[in-house]
Amino acid sequence: MTNLQPANLQPVTLIQPTRGLASLQLRAVWQYRELLGFLAWRDVKVRYKQTALGVAWIVLQPLLSTVVFTVIFGALLNVPSDGAPYALFALAALVPWQYFSGSLSRVGTSLVSSANLISKVYFPRLIIPLSGVISTLVDFAVGFAVLLVLLAVYRVPLSPNVLWLPAFLLLAVITALGFGLWLAALNVKYRDVNYLIPFLLQLWMYATPVVFGATLIPARYRWLMALNPMTGVVEGFRWALLGGVLDTAYAPGPLTAVSVAISLIVLVTGVVFFRSTEKTFADII
């Protein structure tokens, strides 16, 4: 943007398209951080407004899922948990998985659900999907607190591995945001993406070692699991929280590095694709 002021003429503003990294407008996102916080908090309030149990749903969801998984997979099918109590084994994976699935679902549908806001007010559109991954952190925090209580009940002490938890949570955030940006941009033009997301998440959960462990897969095939970034997240959470009990096979290694690389590639390409299609959002939506 350049101000041209020829003699005896009114100032003229010339608007030019940005190129390179400047086109991502990451600085503009930071300038609108208050709006980001407002949208994230609004999402939390709207989600549990006029519900009978309110925020209690955040506690019940992982607990009930853990009970069902423990009965079916732990007791009836005898799925190995590598020495850890199966309830802890399942919940340690369910908490990050439910954060990821909730975030991906909200990010993927965020633009369509905010159609009125997009068509009336200008702000960096990246703010909307970002608010989706931030608001779901509230659910994660409550679920994680439940997990800590269960660790105390089973008298499983925390090891120094727990210091890795922020890194694995960040990986979950990056993965949800990266794939969510692709889905959100595509959902504006192709509304059937809205119906694809729940089906995709259901298949994705079966491909992620949530109810079983990585050691159940033969070693020569485990590299295929690394292509799923959420494998690194759920196995990392188990290792960080149950490291004193689980086998060392759960420790981060080359396969985790592959998951991280894939998540970063998806995030970068997702941001670029989102920004390249952003100019059409208000017209199509």
Protein backbone atom coordinates (compact mmCIF):
# COMPACT_ATOMS: atom_id res chain seq x y z
CA MET A 1 0.00 0.00 0.00
CA THR A 2 1.59 3.29 -1.14
CA ASN A 3 0.48 6.92 -0.64
CA LEU A 4 0.91 8.99 -3.79
CA GLN A 5 0.63 12.76 -3.32
CA PRO A 6 1.14 14.64 -6.62
CA ALA A 7 1.17 18.42 -6.44
CA ASN A 8 -2.26 20.06 -6.11
CA LEU A 9 -4.02 16.67 -6.01
CA GLN A 10 -5.73 14.71 -3.26
CA PRO A 11 -3.76 11.81 -1.72
CA VAL A 12 -4.21 8.59 -3.64
CA THR A 13 -3.98 5.15 -2.02
CA LEU A 14 -2.64 2.37 -4.20
CA ILE A 15 -3.50 -1.17 -3.04
CA GLN A 16 -1.19 -3.89 -4.28
CA PRO A 17 -1.37 -7.66 -3.66
CA THR A 18 1.13 -9.06 -1.22
CA ARG A 19 3.50 -11.84 -2.18
CA GLY A 20 5.56 -14.44 -0.38
CA LEU A 21 5.24 -14.92 3.37
CA ALA A 22 3.63 -11.48 3.71
CA SER A 23 0.56 -12.82 1.89
CA LEU A 24 -0.17 -15.10 4.86
CA GLN A 25 -0.91 -12.00 7.00
CA LEU A 26 0.32 -13.64 10.17
CA ARG A 27 0.99 -10.20 11.68
CA ALA A 28 -2.65 -9.27 11.06
CA VAL A 29 -3.73 -12.37 12.97
CA TRP A 30 -1.69 -11.17 15.95
CA GLN A 31 -3.25 -7.70 15.69
CA TYR A 32 -6.71 -9.29 15.91
CA ARG A 33 -5.80 -11.48 18.89
CA GLU A 34 -8.56 -9.95 21.02
CA LEU A 35 -11.12 -11.05 18.44
CA LEU A 36 -9.53 -14.50 18.47
CA GLY A 37 -9.99 -14.73 22.23
CA PHE A 38 -13.58 -13.50 21.99
CA LEU A 39 -14.53 -16.05 19.31
CA ALA A 40 -12.89 -18.89 21.24
CA TRP A 41 -14.72 -17.98 24.45
CA ARG A 42 -18.00 -17.55 22.54
CA ASP A 43 -17.56 -21.04 21.11
CA VAL A 44 -17.16 -22.50 24.60
CA LYS A 45 -20.25 -20.72 25.94
CA VAL A 46 -22.46 -21.57 22.96
CA ARG A 47 -21.41 -25.22 23.04
CA TYR A 48 -22.80 -25.82 26.53
CA LYS A 49 -25.55 -23.21 26.61
CA GLN A 50 -29.03 -24.58 27.38
CA THR A 51 -27.72 -28.08 28.12
CA ALA A 52 -29.02 -30.08 31.06
CA LEU A 53 -25.60 -31.13 32.32
CA GLY A 54 -23.56 -28.22 30.95
CA VAL A 55 -19.80 -28.55 31.38
CA ALA A 56 -20.33 -31.96 33.01
CA TRP A 57 -20.46 -33.37 29.48
CA ILE A 58 -16.71 -32.70 29.22
CA VAL A 59 -16.14 -35.04 32.17
CA LEU A 60 -18.71 -37.68 31.19
CA GLN A 61 -17.55 -38.10 27.59
CA PRO A 62 -14.05 -39.47 28.28
CA LEU A 63 -15.20 -41.36 31.41
CA LEU A 64 -18.06 -43.17 29.68
CA SER A 65 -15.90 -43.95 26.65
CA THR A 66 -13.22 -45.35 28.97
CA VAL A 67 -15.75 -47.57 30.75
CA VAL A 68 -17.07 -48.95 27.44
CA PHE A 69 -13.57 -49.55 26.06
CA THR A 70 -12.41 -51.17 29.30
CA VAL A 71 -15.35 -53.59 29.35
CA ILE A 72 -15.29 -54.49 25.64
CA PHE A 73 -11.62 -54.37 24.74
CA GLY A 74 -9.96 -54.79 28.12
CA ALA A 75 -12.18 -57.41 29.77
CA LEU A 76 -13.94 -59.24 26.94
CA LEU A 77 -11.37 -59.12 24.12
CA ASN A 78 -8.30 -59.02 26.40
CA VAL A 79 -6.51 -56.38 24.33
CA PRO A 80 -2.99 -56.13 25.83
CA SER A 81 -2.13 -52.90 27.65
CA ASP A 82 1.56 -53.72 28.18
CA GLY A 83 1.41 -53.86 31.97
CA ALA A 84 -0.63 -50.70 32.54
CA PRO A 85 -4.23 -50.79 33.85
CA TYR A 86 -6.39 -50.85 30.73
CA ALA A 87 -8.58 -47.98 31.96
CA LEU A 88 -5.51 -45.72 32.20
CA PHE A 89 -4.15 -47.13 28.96
CA ALA A 90 -7.35 -46.17 27.11
CA LEU A 91 -7.97 -42.82 28.80
CA ALA A 92 -4.40 -41.64 28.17
CA ALA A 93 -5.13 -42.02 24.45
CA LEU A 94 -8.75 -40.88 24.55
CA VAL A 95 -8.00 -37.46 26.04
CA PRO A 96 -5.72 -36.28 23.18
CA TRP A 97 -7.83 -38.07 20.58
CA GLN A 98 -11.04 -36.37 21.69
CA TYR A 99 -9.25 -33.03 21.64
CA PHE A 100 -8.12 -33.71 18.07
CA SER A 101 -11.49 -34.97 16.83
CA GLY A 102 -13.35 -32.06 18.46
CA SER A 103 -10.90 -29.50 17.07
CA LEU A 104 -10.91 -30.95 13.56
CA SER A 105 -14.70 -31.04 13.50
CA ARG A 106 -15.00 -27.42 14.65
CA VAL A 107 -12.27 -26.09 12.37
CA GLY A 108 -13.64 -27.96 9.36
CA THR A 109 -17.13 -26.45 9.77
CA SER A 110 -16.05 -23.10 11.24
CA LEU A 111 -16.30 -20.99 8.08
CA VAL A 112 -19.77 -22.17 7.09
CA SER A 113 -21.09 -21.72 10.63
CA SER A 114 -19.68 -18.17 10.68
CA ALA A 115 -21.14 -17.17 7.30
CA ASN A 116 -22.87 -14.03 8.63
CA LEU A 117 -19.69 -12.77 10.25
CA ILE A 118 -17.56 -13.38 7.16
CA SER A 119 -19.94 -11.63 4.78
CA LYS A 120 -20.32 -8.49 6.92
CA VAL A 121 -17.03 -7.69 8.67
CA TYR A 122 -13.41 -7.73 7.55
CA PHE A 123 -10.82 -9.51 9.67
CA PRO A 124 -8.17 -12.15 8.92
CA ARG A 125 -10.26 -15.24 8.12
CA LEU A 126 -7.59 -17.43 9.71
CA ILE A 127 -8.94 -16.17 13.05
CA ILE A 128 -12.03 -18.39 12.73
CA PRO A 129 -10.33 -21.80 12.43
CA LEU A 130 -7.76 -20.79 15.03
CA SER A 131 -10.55 -20.12 17.51
CA GLY A 132 -11.73 -23.70 16.98
CA VAL A 133 -8.48 -25.32 18.13
CA ILE A 134 -8.16 -22.88 21.04
CA SER A 135 -11.69 -23.27 22.41
CA THR A 136 -11.35 -27.06 22.49
CA LEU A 137 -8.39 -26.72 24.85
CA VAL A 138 -10.95 -26.14 27.61
CA ASP A 139 -12.36 -29.63 27.00
CA PHE A 140 -8.85 -31.04 26.93
CA ALA A 141 -7.95 -29.41 30.26
CA VAL A 142 -10.98 -30.92 32.00
CA GLY A 143 -10.38 -34.34 30.45
CA PHE A 144 -6.73 -34.19 31.45
CA ALA A 145 -7.72 -33.38 35.04
CA VAL A 146 -9.91 -36.50 35.06
CA LEU A 147 -6.93 -38.49 33.79
CA LEU A 148 -4.75 -37.19 36.62
CA VAL A 149 -7.39 -38.22 39.15
CA LEU A 150 -7.48 -41.73 37.67
CA LEU A 151 -3.69 -41.90 37.85
CA ALA A 152 -3.93 -41.13 41.56
CA VAL A 153 -6.65 -43.74 42.05
CA TYR A 154 -4.46 -46.42 40.45
CA ARG A 155 -1.42 -45.05 42.32
CA VAL A 156 0.64 -44.67 39.16
CA PRO A 157 3.39 -42.08 39.81
CA LEU A 158 4.38 -39.54 37.19
CA SER A 159 7.83 -39.91 35.66
CA PRO A 160 10.09 -37.23 34.14
CA ASN A 161 8.56 -38.21 30.78
CA VAL A 162 5.62 -35.98 31.67
CA LEU A 163 7.75 -32.98 30.61
CA TRP A 164 7.16 -34.07 27.01
CA LEU A 165 3.39 -33.59 27.26
CA PRO A 166 3.34 -29.98 25.93
CA ALA A 167 5.22 -31.13 22.82
CA PHE A 168 2.71 -33.91 22.12
CA LEU A 169 -0.21 -31.54 22.75
CA LEU A 170 1.34 -29.06 20.31
CA LEU A 171 1.58 -31.86 17.75
CA ALA A 172 -2.15 -32.53 18.21
CA VAL A 173 -2.92 -28.81 17.74
CA ILE A 174 -0.80 -28.62 14.58
CA THR A 175 -2.37 -31.77 13.14
CA ALA A 176 -5.95 -30.63 13.84
CA LEU A 177 -5.33 -27.14 12.48
CA GLY A 178 -3.48 -28.33 9.37
CA PHE A 179 -6.10 -30.85 8.25
CA GLY A 180 -8.89 -28.57 9.47
CA LEU A 181 -7.76 -25.68 7.26
CA TRP A 182 -7.96 -27.90 4.19
CA LEU A 183 -11.43 -29.13 5.15
CA ALA A 184 -12.71 -25.67 6.12
CA ALA A 185 -11.68 -24.12 2.79
CA LEU A 186 -13.11 -27.04 0.80
CA ASN A 187 -16.32 -26.98 2.85
CA VAL A 188 -17.09 -23.46 1.65
CA LYS A 189 -17.33 -24.68 -1.95
CA TYR A 190 -18.34 -28.31 -1.41
CA ARG A 191 -20.87 -28.58 1.42
CA ASP A 192 -20.80 -32.36 1.41
CA VAL A 193 -17.47 -32.02 3.27
CA ASN A 194 -19.71 -31.25 6.24
CA TYR A 195 -21.00 -34.83 6.12
CA LEU A 196 -17.59 -36.28 5.32
CA ILE A 197 -15.91 -35.05 8.53
CA PRO A 198 -17.73 -37.35 11.04
CA PHE A 199 -17.17 -40.37 8.77
CA LEU A 200 -13.51 -39.42 8.31
CA LEU A 201 -13.00 -39.12 12.07
CA GLN A 202 -14.61 -42.50 12.67
CA LEU A 203 -12.26 -44.21 10.20
CA TRP A 204 -9.31 -42.21 11.54
CA MET A 205 -9.93 -43.45 15.07
CA TYR A 206 -9.79 -47.07 13.92
CA ALA A 207 -6.48 -46.31 12.21
CA THR A 208 -5.10 -44.74 15.41
CA PRO A 209 -3.95 -46.93 18.35
CA VAL A 210 -6.54 -45.63 20.79
CA VAL A 211 -7.99 -48.94 21.99
CA PHE A 212 -4.82 -50.92 21.30
CA GLY A 213 -1.10 -50.24 21.60
CA ALA A 214 1.65 -49.91 19.02
CA THR A 215 3.24 -53.15 20.23
CA LEU A 216 0.22 -55.06 18.89
CA ILE A 217 1.38 -54.23 15.34
CA PRO A 218 4.33 -56.25 13.96
CA ALA A 219 7.52 -54.18 13.99
CA ARG A 220 7.96 -54.32 10.21
CA TYR A 221 4.57 -52.63 9.67
CA ARG A 222 4.82 -49.91 12.30
CA TRP A 223 6.23 -47.41 9.80
CA LEU A 224 2.77 -47.37 8.22
CA MET A 225 1.32 -46.15 11.51
CA ALA A 226 3.80 -43.26 11.51
CA LEU A 227 2.04 -41.92 8.40
CA ASN A 228 -0.85 -41.14 10.75
CA PRO A 229 0.33 -38.14 12.83
CA MET A 230 -2.12 -38.96 15.61
CA THR A 231 -0.25 -42.19 16.26
CA GLY A 232 2.67 -40.13 17.56
CA VAL A 233 0.30 -38.08 19.71
CA VAL A 234 -1.58 -40.88 21.48
CA GLU A 235 1.49 -43.09 21.90
CA GLY A 236 3.42 -40.08 23.14
CA PHE A 237 0.76 -39.31 25.75
CA ARG A 238 0.85 -42.90 26.97
CA TRP A 239 4.63 -42.87 27.21
CA ALA A 240 4.69 -39.49 28.99
CA LEU A 241 2.04 -40.44 31.57
CA LEU A 242 2.66 -44.17 31.98
CA GLY A 243 6.35 -44.27 31.15
CA GLY A 244 7.21 -46.04 34.37
CA VAL A 245 4.90 -48.92 33.44
CA LEU A 246 4.85 -49.22 29.65
CA ASP A 247 7.41 -50.84 27.39
CA THR A 248 10.13 -48.61 25.94
CA ALA A 249 8.61 -49.22 22.49
CA TYR A 250 6.29 -46.28 23.25
CA ALA A 251 9.17 -43.80 23.60
CA PRO A 252 9.53 -41.13 20.87
CA GLY A 253 11.82 -42.16 18.03
CA PRO A 254 12.27 -41.94 14.25
CA LEU A 255 8.64 -42.85 13.62
CA THR A 256 7.52 -39.94 15.80
CA ALA A 257 9.76 -37.65 13.74
CA VAL A 258 7.94 -38.84 10.61
CA SER A 259 4.58 -37.95 12.18
CA VAL A 260 5.87 -34.49 13.12
CA ALA A 261 7.17 -33.88 9.59
CA ILE A 262 3.83 -34.89 8.04
CA SER A 263 1.89 -32.63 10.42
CA LEU A 264 4.11 -29.64 9.61
CA ILE A 265 3.79 -30.23 5.86
CA VAL A 266 -0.01 -30.45 6.13
CA LEU A 267 -0.11 -27.28 8.26
CA VAL A 268 2.04 -25.20 5.89
CA THR A 269 0.19 -26.35 2.78
CA GLY A 270 -3.13 -25.90 4.58
CA VAL A 271 -2.36 -22.28 5.47
CA VAL A 272 -1.24 -21.53 1.90
CA PHE A 273 -4.34 -23.19 0.40
CA PHE A 274 -6.60 -21.40 2.89
CA ARG A 275 -5.10 -18.01 2.04
CA SER A 276 -5.26 -18.66 -1.70
CA THR A 277 -9.01 -19.38 -1.54
CA GLU A 278 -9.85 -16.83 1.14
CA LYS A 279 -10.82 -14.11 -1.32
CA THR A 280 -13.78 -16.17 -2.54
CA PHE A 281 -15.22 -17.05 0.86
CA ALA A 282 -17.58 -14.07 1.21
CA ASP A 283 -18.97 -14.53 -2.34
CA ILE A 284 -19.55 -18.29 -2.14
CA ILE A 285 -20.62 -18.70 1.45
